[in-house]
PDB file of N, CA and C in Angstrom:
ATOM      1  N   MET A   1       5.799  -2.268  13.889  1.00  0.00           N
ATOM      2  CA  MET A   1       5.300  -2.498  12.702  1.00  0.00           C
ATOM      3  C   MET A   1       5.376  -3.803  11.626  1.00  0.00           C
ATOM      4  N   LEU A   2       4.476  -3.787  10.881  1.00  0.00           N
ATOM      5  CA  LEU A   2       4.031  -5.358   9.683  1.00  0.00           C
ATOM      6  C   LEU A   2       5.604  -5.562   9.168  1.00  0.00           C
ATOM      7  N   SER A   3       5.901  -6.203   9.080  1.00  0.00           N
ATOM      8  CA  SER A   3       7.003  -7.355   8.457  1.00  0.00           C
ATOM      9  C   SER A   3       6.800  -8.383   7.532  1.00  0.00           C
ATOM     10  N   ILE A   4       6.477  -8.336   6.027  1.00  0.00           N
ATOM     11  CA  ILE A   4       5.588  -9.533   5.204  1.00  0.00           C
ATOM     12  C   ILE A   4       7.021  -8.576   4.475  1.00  0.00           C
ATOM     13  N   PRO A   5       7.840  -9.996   4.187  1.00  0.00           N
ATOM     14  CA  PRO A   5       9.082 -10.420   2.794  1.00  0.00           C
ATOM     15  C   PRO A   5       8.091  -9.582   1.222  1.00  0.00           C
ATOM     16  N   ARG A   6       8.491  -8.899   0.877  1.00  0.00           N
ATOM     17  CA  ARG A   6       8.802  -8.204  -0.553  1.00  0.00           C
ATOM     18  C   ARG A   6       7.817  -9.767  -1.211  1.00  0.00           C
ATOM     19  N   GLU A   7       8.478 -10.766  -1.379  1.00  0.00           N
ATOM     20  CA  GLU A   7       7.972 -11.665  -2.875  1.00  0.00           C
ATOM     21  C   GLU A   7       6.223 -11.579  -1.419  1.00  0.00           C
ATOM     22  N   GLN A   8       6.043 -12.009  -0.606  1.00  0.00           N
ATOM     23  CA  GLN A   8       4.984 -12.297  -0.014  1.00  0.00           C
ATOM     24  C   GLN A   8       3.860 -11.007  -0.386  1.00  0.00           C
ATOM     25  N   HIS A   9       4.034 -10.005  -0.930  1.00  0.00           N
ATOM     26  CA  HIS A   9       2.637  -8.870  -0.498  1.00  0.00           C
ATOM     27  C   HIS A   9       1.837  -9.792  -1.428  1.00  0.00           C
ATOM     28  N   SER A  10       1.859 -10.002  -2.888  1.00  0.00           N
ATOM     29  CA  SER A  10       1.006  -9.999  -3.765  1.00  0.00           C
ATOM     30  C   SER A  10       0.320 -10.901  -3.602  1.00  0.00           C
ATOM     31  N   PRO A  11       1.079 -12.498  -2.568  1.00  0.00           N
ATOM     32  CA  PRO A  11      -0.521 -13.990  -1.570  1.00  0.00           C
ATOM     33  C   PRO A  11      -0.960 -13.181  -1.541  1.00  0.00           C
ATOM     34  N   VAL A  12      -0.179 -12.226  -0.464  1.00  0.00           N
ATOM     35  CA  VAL A  12      -1.288 -11.541   1.409  1.00  0.00           C
ATOM     36  C   VAL A  12      -2.033 -10.941   0.519  1.00  0.00           C
ATOM     37  N   LEU A  13      -2.311  -9.982  -0.533  1.00  0.00           N
ATOM     38  CA  LEU A  13      -3.217  -9.477  -1.108  1.00  0.00           C
ATOM     39  C   LEU A  13      -4.661 -10.030  -1.546  1.00  0.00           C
ATOM     40  N   ALA A  14      -3.780 -10.751  -2.193  1.00  0.00           N
ATOM     41  CA  ALA A  14      -4.114 -11.709  -3.678  1.00  0.00           C
ATOM     42  C   ALA A  14      -5.975 -12.748  -2.357  1.00  0.00           C
ATOM     43  N   ALA A  15      -4.558 -12.761  -1.134  1.00  0.00           N
ATOM     44  CA  ALA A  15      -6.115 -13.733  -0.819  1.00  0.00           C
ATOM     45  C   ALA A  15      -7.431 -12.738  -0.212  1.00  0.00           C
ATOM     46  N   ALA A  16      -7.398 -12.105  -0.286  1.00  0.00           N
ATOM     47  CA  ALA A  16      -8.702 -11.201   0.278  1.00  0.00           C
ATOM     48  C   ALA A  16      -8.792 -10.162  -0.529  1.00  0.00           C
ATOM     49  N   LEU A  17      -7.918  -9.362  -2.025  1.00  0.00           N
ATOM     50  CA  LEU A  17      -9.153  -8.668  -2.927  1.00  0.00           C
ATOM     51  C   LEU A  17      -8.487 -10.114  -4.021  1.00  0.00           C
ATOM     52  N   PRO A  18      -9.541  -8.880  -5.009  1.00  0.00           N
ATOM     53  CA  PRO A  18      -8.801  -9.401  -6.861  1.00  0.00           C
ATOM     54  C   PRO A  18      -7.085  -9.020  -6.665  1.00  0.00           C
ATOM     55  N   SER A  19      -6.689  -9.958  -7.816  1.00  0.00           N
ATOM     56  CA  SER A  19      -5.383  -9.872  -7.701  1.00  0.00           C
ATOM     57  C   SER A  19      -4.980  -9.262  -8.455  1.00  0.00           C
ATOM     58  N   ALA A  20      -5.613  -8.903  -9.490  1.00  0.00           N
ATOM     59  CA  ALA A  20      -4.914  -8.313 -10.968  1.00  0.00           C
ATOM     60  C   ALA A  20      -5.543  -6.303  -9.648  1.00  0.00           C
ATOM     61  N   GLU A  21      -6.089  -6.286  -9.051  1.00  0.00           N
ATOM     62  CA  GLU A  21      -6.006  -4.767  -8.602  1.00  0.00           C
ATOM     63  C   GLU A  21      -5.188  -4.827  -7.421  1.00  0.00           C
ATOM     64  N   SER A  22      -4.877  -6.239  -6.974  1.00  0.00           N
ATOM     65  CA  SER A  22      -3.959  -5.801  -5.858  1.00  0.00           C
ATOM     66  C   SER A  22      -2.637  -5.595  -6.775  1.00  0.00           C
ATOM     67  N   ASP A  23      -2.325  -6.446  -7.137  1.00  0.00           N
ATOM     68  CA  ASP A  23      -1.155  -6.296  -7.823  1.00  0.00           C
ATOM     69  C   ASP A  23      -0.932  -4.780  -9.044  1.00  0.00           C
ATOM     70  N   ALA A  24      -2.278  -3.921  -9.291  1.00  0.00           N
ATOM     71  CA  ALA A  24      -1.523  -2.604  -9.621  1.00  0.00           C
ATOM     72  C   ALA A  24      -1.308  -1.514  -8.482  1.00  0.00           C
ATOM     73  N   PHE A  25      -2.310  -2.152  -7.261  1.00  0.00           N
ATOM     74  CA  PHE A  25      -1.206  -1.416  -6.344  1.00  0.00           C
ATOM     75  C   PHE A  25      -0.224  -1.411  -5.937  1.00  0.00           C
ATOM     76  N   LEU A  26       0.072  -2.640  -5.997  1.00  0.00           N
ATOM     77  CA  LEU A  26       1.898  -3.352  -5.564  1.00  0.00           C
ATOM     78  C   LEU A  26       2.803  -2.007  -7.181  1.00  0.00           C
ATOM     79  N   SER A  27       1.926  -1.803  -8.021  1.00  0.00           N
ATOM     80  CA  SER A  27       2.961  -1.300  -9.372  1.00  0.00           C
ATOM     81  C   SER A  27       3.045   0.332  -8.468  1.00  0.00           C
ATOM     82  N   ALA A  28       1.604   0.170  -8.258  1.00  0.00           N
ATOM     83  CA  ALA A  28       2.050   2.300  -8.289  1.00  0.00           C
ATOM     84  C   ALA A  28       2.416   2.373  -6.926  1.00  0.00           C
ATOM     85  N   ARG A  29       2.598   1.486  -5.995  1.00  0.00           N
ATOM     86  CA  ARG A  29       3.362   1.758  -4.770  1.00  0.00           C
ATOM     87  C   ARG A  29       4.998   1.815  -5.472  1.00  0.00           C
ATOM     88  N   ASP A  30       5.444   0.931  -6.738  1.00  0.00           N
ATOM     89  CA  ASP A  30       6.837   1.083  -6.499  1.00  0.00           C
ATOM     90  C   ASP A  30       6.956   2.203  -7.347  1.00  0.00           C
ATOM     91  N   ARG A  31       5.527   2.433  -7.935  1.00  0.00           N
ATOM     92  CA  ARG A  31       6.194   3.522  -9.041  1.00  0.00           C
ATOM     93  C   ARG A  31       6.580   4.291  -8.334  1.00  0.00           C
ATOM     94  N   ALA A  32       5.736   4.822  -7.221  1.00  0.00           N
ATOM     95  CA  ALA A  32       5.595   6.156  -6.344  1.00  0.00           C
ATOM     96  C   ALA A  32       7.105   5.914  -5.937  1.00  0.00           C
ATOM     97  N   VAL A  33       7.653   4.949  -5.210  1.00  0.00           N
ATOM     98  CA  VAL A  33       8.944   4.236  -3.899  1.00  0.00           C
ATOM     99  C   VAL A  33       9.917   5.065  -4.747  1.00  0.00           C
ATOM    100  N   ALA A  34       9.834   4.358  -6.566  1.00  0.00           N
ATOM    101  CA  ALA A  34      11.181   4.988  -7.215  1.00  0.00           C
ATOM    102  C   ALA A  34      11.212   6.413  -8.418  1.00  0.00           C
ATOM    103  N   THR A  35      10.239   6.992  -8.070  1.00  0.00           N
ATOM    104  CA  THR A  35      10.427   7.972  -8.625  1.00  0.00           C
ATOM    105  C   THR A  35      10.040   9.180  -7.308  1.00  0.00           C
ATOM    106  N   ALA A  36       9.296   8.674  -6.481  1.00  0.00           N
ATOM    107  CA  ALA A  36       9.588   9.910  -4.819  1.00  0.00           C
ATOM    108  C   ALA A  36       8.842  10.926  -5.971  1.00  0.00           C
ATOM    109  N   ALA A  37       7.976  11.036  -6.574  1.00  0.00           N
ATOM    110  CA  ALA A  37       6.988  12.445  -7.305  1.00  0.00           C
ATOM    111  C   ALA A  37       5.908  12.248  -6.572  1.00  0.00           C
ATOM    112  N   GLU A  38       5.661  13.397  -6.765  1.00  0.00           N
ATOM    113  CA  GLU A  38       3.821  13.690  -5.906  1.00  0.00           C
ATOM    114  C   GLU A  38       2.916  13.325  -6.370  1.00  0.00           C
ATOM    115  N   ALA A  39       2.639  13.468  -7.519  1.00  0.00           N
ATOM    116  CA  ALA A  39       1.565  12.584  -8.508  1.00  0.00           C
ATOM    117  C   ALA A  39       1.421  10.657  -8.059  1.00  0.00           C
ATOM    118  N   ASP A  40       2.790  10.203  -8.342  1.00  0.00           N
ATOM    119  CA  ASP A  40       2.732   9.232  -8.421  1.00  0.00           C
ATOM    120  C   ASP A  40       2.417   8.491  -7.069  1.00  0.00           C
ATOM    121  N   LEU A  41       2.483   9.638  -5.529  1.00  0.00           N
ATOM    122  CA  LEU A  41       2.656   8.946  -4.737  1.00  0.00           C
ATOM    123  C   LEU A  41       1.307   9.117  -4.086  1.00  0.00           C
ATOM    124  N   ARG A  42       0.356  10.153  -4.338  1.00  0.00           N
ATOM    125  CA  ARG A  42      -1.168  10.261  -4.884  1.00  0.00           C
ATOM    126  C   ARG A  42      -1.606   9.548  -5.265  1.00  0.00           C
ATOM    127  N   ALA A  43      -1.395   8.413  -6.341  1.00  0.00           N
ATOM    128  CA  ALA A  43      -2.222   7.615  -6.692  1.00  0.00           C
ATOM    129  C   ALA A  43      -1.382   6.424  -6.042  1.00  0.00           C
ATOM    130  N   ALA A  44      -0.676   6.261  -6.028  1.00  0.00           N
ATOM    131  CA  ALA A  44      -0.441   4.964  -4.865  1.00  0.00           C
ATOM    132  C   ALA A  44      -1.669   5.133  -4.192  1.00  0.00           C
ATOM    133  N   ILE A  45      -1.641   5.896  -2.758  1.00  0.00           N
ATOM    134  CA  ILE A  45      -2.135   6.042  -1.428  1.00  0.00           C
ATOM    135  C   ILE A  45      -3.770   5.913  -2.392  1.00  0.00           C
ATOM    136  N   LEU A  46      -4.146   6.717  -3.591  1.00  0.00           N
ATOM    137  CA  LEU A  46      -5.556   6.625  -4.150  1.00  0.00           C
ATOM    138  C   LEU A  46      -6.378   5.218  -4.311  1.00  0.00           C
ATOM    139  N   VAL A  47      -5.000   3.833  -4.787  1.00  0.00           N
ATOM    140  CA  VAL A  47      -5.608   2.945  -4.692  1.00  0.00           C
ATOM    141  C   VAL A  47      -5.754   2.365  -3.573  1.00  0.00           C
ATOM    142  N   GLY A  48      -4.922   2.434  -2.747  1.00  0.00           N
ATOM    143  CA  GLY A  48      -4.875   1.556  -1.273  1.00  0.00           C
ATOM    144  C   GLY A  48      -5.462   2.238  -1.002  1.00  0.00           C
ATOM    145  N   ARG A  49      -6.236   3.143  -0.518  1.00  0.00           N
ATOM    146  CA  ARG A  49      -7.136   4.015  -0.425  1.00  0.00           C
ATOM    147  C   ARG A  49      -8.972   2.908  -1.192  1.00  0.00           C
ATOM    148  N   SER A  50      -8.776   2.486  -1.879  1.00  0.00           N
ATOM    149  CA  SER A  50      -9.538   2.479  -2.618  1.00  0.00           C
ATOM    150  C   SER A  50      -9.478   1.067  -2.400  1.00  0.00           C
ATOM    151  N   LEU A  51      -8.770   0.174  -2.087  1.00  0.00           N
ATOM    152  CA  LEU A  51      -8.984  -1.226  -1.902  1.00  0.00           C
ATOM    153  C   LEU A  51      -9.014  -1.245  -0.484  1.00  0.00           C
ATOM    154  N   LEU A  52      -8.914  -0.826   0.446  1.00  0.00           N
ATOM    155  CA  LEU A  52      -9.013  -0.749   1.669  1.00  0.00           C
ATOM    156  C   LEU A  52     -10.728  -0.677   1.773  1.00  0.00           C
ATOM    157  N   ALA A  53     -11.259   0.397   1.163  1.00  0.00           N
ATOM    158  CA  ALA A  53     -12.879   0.876   1.173  1.00  0.00           C
ATOM    159  C   ALA A  53     -13.260  -0.617   0.812  1.00  0.00           C
ATOM    160  N   ARG A  54     -13.240  -1.647   0.168  1.00  0.00           N
ATOM    161  CA  ARG A  54     -14.125  -2.486  -0.887  1.00  0.00           C
ATOM    162  C   ARG A  54     -13.950  -3.835   0.720  1.00  0.00           C
ATOM    163  N   LEU A  55     -12.512  -3.456   1.590  1.00  0.00           N
ATOM    164  CA  LEU A  55     -12.754  -4.984   2.687  1.00  0.00           C
ATOM    165  C   LEU A  55     -13.972  -4.061   3.672  1.00  0.00           C
ATOM    166  N   PRO A  56     -14.119  -5.171   4.219  1.00  0.00           N
ATOM    167  CA  PRO A  56     -15.031  -5.101   5.516  1.00  0.00           C
ATOM    168  C   PRO A  56     -14.779  -3.951   6.883  1.00  0.00           C
ATOM    169  N   LEU A  57     -15.588  -3.827   7.670  1.00  0.00           N
ATOM    170  CA  LEU A  57     -14.610  -2.844   8.192  1.00  0.00           C
ATOM    171  C   LEU A  57     -13.721  -3.946   9.478  1.00  0.00           C
ATOM    172  N   ARG A  58     -12.821  -3.131  10.218  1.00  0.00           N
ATOM    173  CA  ARG A  58     -11.506  -4.120  10.189  1.00  0.00           C
ATOM    174  C   ARG A  58     -12.234  -4.918  11.357  1.00  0.00           C
ATOM    175  N   SER A  59     -13.350  -4.656  12.750  1.00  0.00           N
ATOM    176  CA  SER A  59     -13.475  -5.426  13.424  1.00  0.00           C
ATOM    177  C   SER A  59     -14.359  -6.923  12.572  1.00  0.00           C
ATOM    178  N   GLN A  60     -14.625  -6.713  11.927  1.00  0.00           N
ATOM    179  CA  GLN A  60     -15.659  -7.924  10.784  1.00  0.00           C
ATOM    180  C   GLN A  60     -14.832  -8.413   9.816  1.00  0.00           C
ATOM    181  N   ARG A  61     -13.674  -8.368   9.398  1.00  0.00           N
ATOM    182  CA  ARG A  61     -12.600  -8.631   8.493  1.00  0.00           C
ATOM    183  C   ARG A  61     -12.047 -10.402   8.962  1.00  0.00           C
ATOM    184  N   THR A  62     -11.884 -10.836   7.855  1.00  0.00           N
ATOM    185  CA  THR A  62     -11.400 -12.031   8.521  1.00  0.00           C
ATOM    186  C   THR A  62      -9.875 -12.197   8.796  1.00  0.00           C
ATOM    187  N   PRO A  63      -9.162 -13.013   9.098  1.00  0.00           N
ATOM    188  CA  PRO A  63      -7.518 -12.815   9.122  1.00  0.00           C
ATOM    189  C   PRO A  63      -6.985 -13.037   7.568  1.00  0.00           C
ATOM    190  N   ALA A  64      -7.302 -12.933   6.377  1.00  0.00           N
ATOM    191  CA  ALA A  64      -6.397 -13.265   5.449  1.00  0.00           C
ATOM    192  C   ALA A  64      -6.893 -11.188   5.175  1.00  0.00           C
ATOM    193  N   GLN A  65      -8.249 -11.035   5.237  1.00  0.00           N
ATOM    194  CA  GLN A  65      -8.444  -9.157   5.532  1.00  0.00           C
ATOM    195  C   GLN A  65      -8.318  -8.180   5.805  1.00  0.00           C
ATOM    196  N   LYS A  66      -7.789  -8.848   7.500  1.00  0.00           N
ATOM    197  CA  LYS A  66      -6.757  -8.343   8.417  1.00  0.00           C
ATOM    198  C   LYS A  66      -5.400  -8.131   7.875  1.00  0.00           C
ATOM    199  N   ARG A  67      -5.246  -9.238   7.351  1.00  0.00           N
ATOM    200  CA  ARG A  67      -3.532  -8.237   6.665  1.00  0.00           C
ATOM    201  C   ARG A  67      -3.065  -7.856   5.108  1.00  0.00           C
ATOM    202  N   ALA A  68      -4.386  -8.255   4.949  1.00  0.00           N
ATOM    203  CA  ALA A  68      -4.641  -7.797   4.099  1.00  0.00           C
ATOM    204  C   ALA A  68      -4.250  -6.025   4.059  1.00  0.00           C
ATOM    205  N   GLY A  69      -5.605  -6.112   4.737  1.00  0.00           N
ATOM    206  CA  GLY A  69      -5.637  -4.424   5.214  1.00  0.00           C
ATOM    207  C   GLY A  69      -4.466  -4.005   5.774  1.00  0.00           C
ATOM    208  N   ASP A  70      -3.852  -4.155   6.701  1.00  0.00           N
ATOM    209  CA  ASP A  70      -2.343  -3.903   7.053  1.00  0.00           C
ATOM    210  C   ASP A  70      -1.583  -3.379   6.336  1.00  0.00           C
ATOM    211  N   THR A  71      -0.970  -5.273   5.383  1.00  0.00           N
ATOM    212  CA  THR A  71       0.212  -4.961   3.936  1.00  0.00           C
ATOM    213  C   THR A  71      -0.371  -3.297   3.326  1.00  0.00           C
ATOM    214  N   ILE A  72      -1.826  -3.250   3.191  1.00  0.00           N
ATOM    215  CA  ILE A  72      -1.812  -1.890   1.999  1.00  0.00           C
ATOM    216  C   ILE A  72      -1.537  -0.967   2.974  1.00  0.00           C
ATOM    217  N   VAL A  73      -2.106  -0.679   4.063  1.00  0.00           N
ATOM    218  CA  VAL A  73      -1.732   0.718   5.662  1.00  0.00           C
ATOM    219  C   VAL A  73       0.213   0.811   5.411  1.00  0.00           C
ATOM    220  N   HIS A  74       0.582  -0.523   5.922  1.00  0.00           N
ATOM    221  CA  HIS A  74       1.521  -0.349   5.928  1.00  0.00           C
ATOM    222  C   HIS A  74       2.453   0.047   4.820  1.00  0.00           C
ATOM    223  N   LEU A  75       2.477  -0.392   3.488  1.00  0.00           N
ATOM    224  CA  LEU A  75       3.525  -0.249   1.934  1.00  0.00           C
ATOM    225  C   LEU A  75       2.719   0.966   1.605  1.00  0.00           C
ATOM    226  N   THR A  76       1.803   1.530   1.879  1.00  0.00           N
ATOM    227  CA  THR A  76       1.386   3.389   2.042  1.00  0.00           C
ATOM    228  C   THR A  76       1.737   4.305   3.403  1.00  0.00           C
ATOM    229  N   ALA A  77       2.147   3.872   3.881  1.00  0.00           N
ATOM    230  CA  ALA A  77       3.235   4.077   5.045  1.00  0.00           C
ATOM    231  C   ALA A  77       4.332   4.744   4.788  1.00  0.00           C
ATOM    232  N   ASP A  78       4.911   3.596   4.372  1.00  0.00           N
ATOM    233  CA  ASP A  78       6.467   3.292   3.898  1.00  0.00           C
ATOM    234  C   ASP A  78       6.246   4.732   2.894  1.00  0.00           C
ATOM    235  N   ALA A  79       5.990   3.828   1.189  1.00  0.00           N
ATOM    236  CA  ALA A  79       5.827   5.029   0.875  1.00  0.00           C
ATOM    237  C   ALA A  79       6.136   6.550   0.909  1.00  0.00           C
ATOM    238  N   ALA A  80       4.880   7.076   1.827  1.00  0.00           N
ATOM    239  CA  ALA A  80       4.782   8.163   2.517  1.00  0.00           C
ATOM    240  C   ALA A  80       5.818   8.646   2.904  1.00  0.00           C
ATOM    241  N   TRP A  81       6.673   7.422   4.267  1.00  0.00           N
ATOM    242  CA  TRP A  81       7.680   7.975   4.845  1.00  0.00           C
ATOM    243  C   TRP A  81       8.954   8.244   3.836  1.00  0.00           C
ATOM    244  N   ARG A  82       9.136   7.341   3.059  1.00  0.00           N
ATOM    245  CA  ARG A  82      10.656   7.263   1.854  1.00  0.00           C
ATOM    246  C   ARG A  82      10.103   8.756   1.043  1.00  0.00           C
ATOM    247  N   PHE A  83       9.180   8.936   0.771  1.00  0.00           N
ATOM    248  CA  PHE A  83       8.302  10.243  -0.092  1.00  0.00           C
ATOM    249  C   PHE A  83       8.844  11.551   1.113  1.00  0.00           C
ATOM    250  N   PHE A  84       8.459  11.385   1.718  1.00  0.00           N
ATOM    251  CA  PHE A  84       9.076  13.215   3.065  1.00  0.00           C
ATOM    252  C   PHE A  84      10.380  12.483   3.061  1.00  0.00           C
ATOM    253  N   ARG A  85      10.780  12.019   3.330  1.00  0.00           N
ATOM    254  CA  ARG A  85      11.837  12.181   3.635  1.00  0.00           C
ATOM    255  C   ARG A  85      13.183  12.452   2.681  1.00  0.00           C
ATOM    256  N   CYS A  86      12.421  11.622   0.460  1.00  0.00           N
ATOM    257  CA  CYS A  86      13.878  12.465   0.045  1.00  0.00           C
ATOM    258  C   CYS A  86      13.219  13.469  -0.129  1.00  0.00           C
ATOM    259  N   HIS A  87      12.001  13.980   0.456  1.00  0.00           N
ATOM    260  CA  HIS A  87      12.038  15.469   0.294  1.00  0.00           C
ATOM    261  C   HIS A  87      12.324  16.753   1.484  1.00  0.00           C
ATOM    262  N   ALA A  88      12.171  15.879   2.415  1.00  0.00           N
ATOM    263  CA  ALA A  88      12.799  16.479   3.935  1.00  0.00           C
ATOM    264  C   ALA A  88      13.097  17.770   3.278  1.00  0.00           C
ATOM    265  N   VAL A  89      14.594  18.268   2.698  1.00  0.00           N
ATOM    266  CA  VAL A  89      15.639  19.420   2.639  1.00  0.00           C
ATOM    267  C   VAL A  89      13.735  20.869   1.804  1.00  0.00           C
ATOM    268  N   SER A  90      13.245  20.552   1.271  1.00  0.00           N
ATOM    269  CA  SER A  90      12.822  21.062   0.224  1.00  0.00           C
ATOM    270  C   SER A  90      11.507  21.501   0.353  1.00  0.00           C
ATOM    271  N   MET A  91      11.057  20.648   1.674  1.00  0.00           N
ATOM    272  CA  MET A  91       9.607  21.170   2.490  1.00  0.00           C
ATOM    273  C   MET A  91       9.818  21.689   3.534  1.00  0.00           C
ATOM    274  N   TYR A  92      11.359  21.451   4.302  1.00  0.00           N
ATOM    275  CA  TYR A  92      11.093  22.741   5.218  1.00  0.00           C
ATOM    276  C   TYR A  92      12.453  23.126   5.189  1.00  0.00           C
TER     277      TYR A  92
END
């Protein structure tokens, strides 16, 4: 699993994507983790997917773009994992 220290998330994303958009993704992701609300998780995943769509195909990405894409995938997967762990009893 990708391991990037929290304080490096923004610079990693900003190296390949507009900083305002990457900051919006990080804020949405942090809100989804903090609230464990379905709407917040959905919003964070949608923002993450829109950022991924702005990147070239994985095979055509620069190293900075690959790292940004991997970071987005990792952070959205982590938020989803935390959501499902929080709601496991009520869902199953």
